[in-house]
């Protein structure tokens, strides 16, 4: 197979994986969201209230779509004589790795929260988004956003797409491209900006530990901080004080990762 053919096959595979992801979300909306609208309409609930209730359960809907996609990925890889568990490499990680991951998560959560906070002035639309009922206190929604969605996204973006890229491209190119794909799939401009560096870090810890559990753990920690911890910090000034130390500490931690990409 020529280089051109291998690259075309790489692109087609990635497009297929992303299409399956979107298909899962579409089916989830089709079988959960739309019936919910008719159900609430039957109860004579106002449209505004219906939309609020649907928004509160959006993370659950996304999780169901992710589960559908995950089943399809499993069958596709099995058809190609590949095992999803082995492909992603669910090997154990050390306590040292867990500590490093915790430090990275806390530091970048501070940085991204400050960035989002300062961006409110310039992106009023995003302010409305993060203030919406999607960030509900529903236990099931929190479990979906903190645990299930990060697990699925790591399997898809690091375990499947990133490994597909690594099989065909250099490590640096693979890290950058998967970062771009991950960021773009998050949709709005603010999330694109801060999820790109997050994706780079997720890929690095994955390569560093040679285990998908590492990137899953970092992603879970990051989402937990963003959904549970920082929303309860009233003053942005408190986080701003920790901004510079967080940046410095993050740089120190990632100095150990330099050997990965050389």
Protein backbone atom coordinates (compact mmCIF):
# COMPACT_ATOMS: atom_id res chain seq x y z
CA UNK A 1 0.00 0.00 0.00
CA UNK A 2 1.39 3.42 -1.00
CA UNK A 3 1.72 6.36 1.39
CA UNK A 4 -1.17 8.12 -0.35
CA UNK A 5 -3.39 5.08 -0.03
CA UNK A 6 -2.55 4.61 3.65
CA UNK A 7 -3.32 8.28 4.37
CA UNK A 8 -6.63 8.08 2.50
CA UNK A 9 -7.51 4.97 4.47
CA UNK A 10 -6.56 6.77 7.69
CA UNK A 11 -8.83 9.70 6.85
CA UNK A 12 -11.73 7.44 5.88
CA UNK A 13 -11.40 5.46 9.12
CA UNK A 14 -11.40 8.60 11.27
CA UNK A 15 -14.40 10.00 9.38
CA UNK A 16 -16.17 6.67 9.95
CA UNK A 17 -15.45 6.74 13.70
CA UNK A 18 -16.75 10.32 13.99
CA UNK A 19 -19.82 9.50 11.90
CA UNK A 20 -20.61 6.59 14.22
CA UNK A 21 -20.28 8.96 17.19
CA UNK A 22 -22.72 11.42 15.59
CA UNK A 23 -25.02 8.56 14.61
CA UNK A 24 -25.14 7.40 18.22
CA UNK A 25 -26.08 10.91 19.34
CA UNK A 26 -28.76 11.15 16.65
CA UNK A 27 -30.30 7.82 17.67
CA UNK A 28 -30.21 8.87 21.31
CA UNK A 29 -32.08 12.08 20.49
CA UNK A 30 -34.50 10.15 18.30
CA UNK A 31 -35.40 7.59 20.95
CA UNK A 32 -35.09 9.69 24.13
CA UNK A 33 -35.41 13.43 23.49
CA UNK A 34 -38.20 13.42 20.89
CA UNK A 35 -40.45 10.98 22.85
CA UNK A 36 -39.82 13.15 25.94
CA UNK A 37 -41.09 16.21 24.09
CA UNK A 38 -44.33 14.41 23.17
CA UNK A 39 -44.66 13.07 26.72
CA UNK A 40 -44.30 16.52 28.29
CA UNK A 41 -46.62 18.01 25.65
CA UNK A 42 -49.25 15.42 26.62
CA UNK A 43 -48.99 16.70 30.21
CA UNK A 44 -49.73 20.24 28.94
CA UNK A 45 -46.38 21.55 30.19
CA UNK A 46 -45.21 24.84 28.67
CA UNK A 47 -42.57 24.60 25.93
CA UNK A 48 -40.04 26.60 27.96
CA UNK A 49 -40.36 24.18 30.87
CA UNK A 50 -40.10 21.21 28.48
CA UNK A 51 -36.81 22.54 27.07
CA UNK A 52 -35.46 23.13 30.58
CA UNK A 53 -36.23 19.53 31.57
CA UNK A 54 -34.61 18.20 28.40
CA UNK A 55 -31.52 20.36 29.00
CA UNK A 56 -31.22 18.97 32.51
CA UNK A 57 -31.00 15.45 31.08
CA UNK A 58 -28.77 16.24 28.09
CA UNK A 59 -25.71 14.55 29.62
CA UNK A 60 -27.73 11.37 30.09
CA UNK A 61 -28.84 11.56 26.46
CA UNK A 62 -25.23 12.02 25.35
CA UNK A 63 -24.20 9.02 27.47
CA UNK A 64 -26.83 6.79 25.86
CA UNK A 65 -25.62 7.89 22.42
CA UNK A 66 -22.05 7.17 23.48
CA UNK A 67 -23.04 3.68 24.59
CA UNK A 68 -24.63 3.00 21.20
CA UNK A 69 -21.46 4.18 19.45
CA UNK A 70 -19.27 2.10 21.75
CA UNK A 71 -21.15 -1.07 20.84
CA UNK A 72 -20.68 -0.32 17.13
CA UNK A 73 -16.94 0.38 17.62
CA UNK A 74 -16.55 -2.97 19.37
CA UNK A 75 -18.11 -4.82 16.45
CA UNK A 76 -16.06 -2.90 13.86
CA UNK A 77 -12.76 -3.62 15.62
CA UNK A 78 -13.73 -7.25 16.14
CA UNK A 79 -14.53 -7.53 12.43
CA UNK A 80 -11.02 -6.22 11.70
CA UNK A 81 -9.62 -8.82 14.12
CA UNK A 82 -8.84 -6.14 16.68
CA UNK A 83 -9.80 -6.07 20.35
CA UNK A 84 -11.02 -2.76 21.80
CA UNK A 85 -9.60 -3.57 25.24
CA UNK A 86 -6.15 -4.35 23.84
CA UNK A 87 -6.30 -1.52 21.30
CA UNK A 88 -6.82 1.06 24.04
CA UNK A 89 -4.48 -0.75 26.46
CA UNK A 90 -6.30 -0.86 29.79
CA UNK A 91 -3.15 -1.69 31.75
CA UNK A 92 -2.52 -0.71 35.36
CA UNK A 93 -0.93 2.61 36.31
CA UNK A 94 1.34 3.40 39.24
CA UNK A 95 0.55 5.55 42.26
CA UNK A 96 3.20 8.03 41.06
CA UNK A 97 1.28 8.40 37.80
CA UNK A 98 -1.97 8.97 39.69
CA UNK A 99 -0.34 11.71 41.77
CA UNK A 100 1.07 13.41 38.67
CA UNK A 101 -2.33 13.16 36.98
CA UNK A 102 -4.01 14.73 40.02
CA UNK A 103 -1.57 17.66 39.95
CA UNK A 104 -2.08 18.17 36.21
CA UNK A 105 -5.86 18.06 36.62
CA UNK A 106 -5.98 20.61 39.44
CA UNK A 107 -3.56 22.99 37.72
CA UNK A 108 -5.28 22.93 34.35
CA UNK A 109 -8.72 23.19 35.94
CA UNK A 110 -7.62 26.44 37.59
CA UNK A 111 -6.19 27.73 34.29
CA UNK A 112 -9.22 26.80 32.17
CA UNK A 113 -11.71 28.12 34.74
CA UNK A 114 -9.92 31.47 34.86
CA UNK A 115 -9.89 31.56 31.06
CA UNK A 116 -13.62 30.82 30.84
CA UNK A 117 -14.36 33.33 33.60
CA UNK A 118 -12.48 36.12 31.85
CA UNK A 119 -14.11 35.18 28.54
CA UNK A 120 -17.61 35.95 29.83
CA UNK A 121 -17.09 39.61 28.92
CA UNK A 122 -16.32 38.79 25.30
CA UNK A 123 -18.49 35.73 24.64
CA UNK A 124 -21.97 36.39 26.04
CA UNK A 125 -23.35 33.35 24.20
CA UNK A 126 -21.01 31.04 26.08
CA UNK A 127 -22.00 32.71 29.33
CA UNK A 128 -25.58 31.69 28.59
CA UNK A 129 -24.48 28.14 27.78
CA UNK A 130 -22.59 27.51 31.01
CA UNK A 131 -25.41 29.11 32.99
CA UNK A 132 -27.97 26.78 31.44
CA UNK A 133 -29.62 23.83 33.25
CA UNK A 134 -27.20 21.38 31.57
CA UNK A 135 -25.09 21.83 34.71
CA UNK A 136 -27.81 20.37 36.89
CA UNK A 137 -27.48 18.77 40.28
CA UNK A 138 -29.01 15.49 39.08
CA UNK A 139 -26.89 12.61 40.35
CA UNK A 140 -27.35 10.66 37.12
CA UNK A 141 -26.31 13.70 35.05
CA UNK A 142 -23.23 14.20 37.22
CA UNK A 143 -22.27 10.53 36.89
CA UNK A 144 -22.72 10.79 33.12
CA UNK A 145 -20.65 13.98 32.83
CA UNK A 146 -17.93 13.04 35.30
CA UNK A 147 -17.48 9.33 34.67
CA UNK A 148 -19.19 7.81 31.64
CA UNK A 149 -18.62 10.55 29.04
CA UNK A 150 -14.88 10.90 29.88
CA UNK A 151 -14.45 7.12 29.61
CA UNK A 152 -16.18 7.06 26.23
CA UNK A 153 -14.28 10.09 24.90
CA UNK A 154 -10.94 8.60 25.92
CA UNK A 155 -11.76 5.31 24.24
CA UNK A 156 -12.78 7.13 21.05
CA UNK A 157 -10.28 9.99 20.82
CA UNK A 158 -7.20 8.47 22.45
CA UNK A 159 -7.79 4.72 22.28
CA UNK A 160 -9.16 4.52 18.72
CA UNK A 161 -8.44 7.73 16.77
CA UNK A 162 -5.07 8.60 18.34
CA UNK A 163 -3.80 5.03 17.93
CA UNK A 164 -5.01 5.02 14.32
CA UNK A 165 -2.99 8.19 13.74
CA UNK A 166 0.08 6.75 15.48
CA UNK A 167 0.01 3.75 13.17
CA UNK A 168 0.39 6.04 10.16
CA UNK A 169 1.99 9.32 11.29
CA UNK A 170 4.70 10.63 13.60
CA UNK A 171 3.94 10.93 17.30
CA UNK A 172 3.95 14.74 17.27
CA UNK A 173 1.60 14.90 14.27
CA UNK A 174 -0.69 12.34 15.88
CA UNK A 175 -0.87 14.28 19.14
CA UNK A 176 -1.65 17.56 17.37
CA UNK A 177 -4.26 16.12 14.99
CA UNK A 178 -6.16 14.22 17.68
CA UNK A 179 -6.12 17.43 19.73
CA UNK A 180 -7.66 19.40 16.87
CA UNK A 181 -10.33 16.74 16.27
CA UNK A 182 -11.19 16.54 19.99
CA UNK A 183 -11.44 20.33 20.29
CA UNK A 184 -13.53 20.83 17.15
CA UNK A 185 -15.99 18.11 18.21
CA UNK A 186 -16.78 20.17 21.33
CA UNK A 187 -18.45 22.80 19.16
CA UNK A 188 -18.29 26.32 20.58
CA UNK A 189 -15.25 28.60 20.34
CA UNK A 190 -14.44 28.77 24.06
CA UNK A 191 -14.45 25.01 24.49
CA UNK A 192 -12.36 24.61 21.33
CA UNK A 193 -9.70 26.89 22.80
CA UNK A 194 -9.33 25.16 26.17
CA UNK A 195 -10.05 21.56 25.11
CA UNK A 196 -7.20 21.56 22.59
CA UNK A 197 -4.48 21.86 25.29
CA UNK A 198 -6.48 19.38 27.39
CA UNK A 199 -6.41 16.87 24.52
CA UNK A 200 -2.64 17.33 24.18
CA UNK A 201 -2.19 16.58 27.88
CA UNK A 202 -4.52 13.59 27.70
CA UNK A 203 -2.52 12.14 24.81
CA UNK A 204 0.77 12.77 26.61
CA UNK A 205 -0.26 11.01 29.81
CA UNK A 206 -1.62 8.16 27.69
CA UNK A 207 1.74 7.75 25.93
CA UNK A 208 3.69 8.35 29.14
CA UNK A 209 1.90 5.62 31.09
CA UNK A 210 1.03 3.39 28.11
CA UNK A 211 -2.44 2.99 29.60
CA UNK A 212 -5.82 4.47 28.69
CA UNK A 213 -6.64 4.51 32.41
CA UNK A 214 -4.27 7.46 32.83
CA UNK A 215 -6.06 9.70 30.34
CA UNK A 216 -9.44 8.53 31.65
CA UNK A 217 -8.41 9.45 35.18
CA UNK A 218 -7.16 12.88 34.10
CA UNK A 219 -10.37 13.51 32.14
CA UNK A 220 -12.54 12.38 35.08
CA UNK A 221 -10.62 14.60 37.52
CA UNK A 222 -10.90 17.56 35.13
CA UNK A 223 -14.66 17.15 34.62
CA UNK A 224 -15.22 16.61 38.35
CA UNK A 225 -13.39 19.84 39.15
CA UNK A 226 -15.26 21.73 36.44
CA UNK A 227 -18.72 20.42 37.37
CA UNK A 228 -18.49 20.15 41.15
CA UNK A 229 -15.59 22.16 42.61
CA UNK A 230 -15.19 25.39 40.62
CA UNK A 231 -18.94 26.18 40.31
CA UNK A 232 -18.99 26.42 44.11
CA UNK A 233 -16.09 28.88 44.20
CA UNK A 234 -17.92 32.19 44.27
CA UNK A 235 -15.04 34.55 43.56
CA UNK A 236 -12.95 34.30 40.40
CA UNK A 237 -10.30 36.32 42.28
CA UNK A 238 -9.57 33.28 44.46
CA UNK A 239 -8.75 31.20 41.38
CA UNK A 240 -6.80 34.07 39.80
CA UNK A 241 -4.42 34.06 42.77
CA UNK A 242 -3.69 30.38 42.05
CA UNK A 243 -3.32 30.95 38.29
CA UNK A 244 0.43 31.70 38.09
CA UNK A 245 1.46 28.93 40.55
CA UNK A 246 -0.73 26.50 38.55
CA UNK A 247 0.97 27.43 35.26
CA UNK A 248 4.43 27.07 36.80
CA UNK A 249 3.61 23.72 38.41
CA UNK A 250 2.09 22.43 35.16
CA UNK A 251 5.27 23.34 33.26
CA UNK A 252 7.41 21.57 35.87
CA UNK A 253 5.31 18.40 35.66
CA UNK A 254 5.36 18.30 31.86
CA UNK A 255 9.13 18.70 31.75
CA UNK A 256 9.23 14.97 32.45
CA UNK A 257 7.14 14.40 29.33
CA UNK A 258 9.69 16.01 27.00
CA UNK A 259 11.36 12.67 26.32
CA UNK A 260 8.08 11.31 24.91
CA UNK A 261 7.92 13.59 21.86
CA UNK A 262 11.62 13.83 20.95
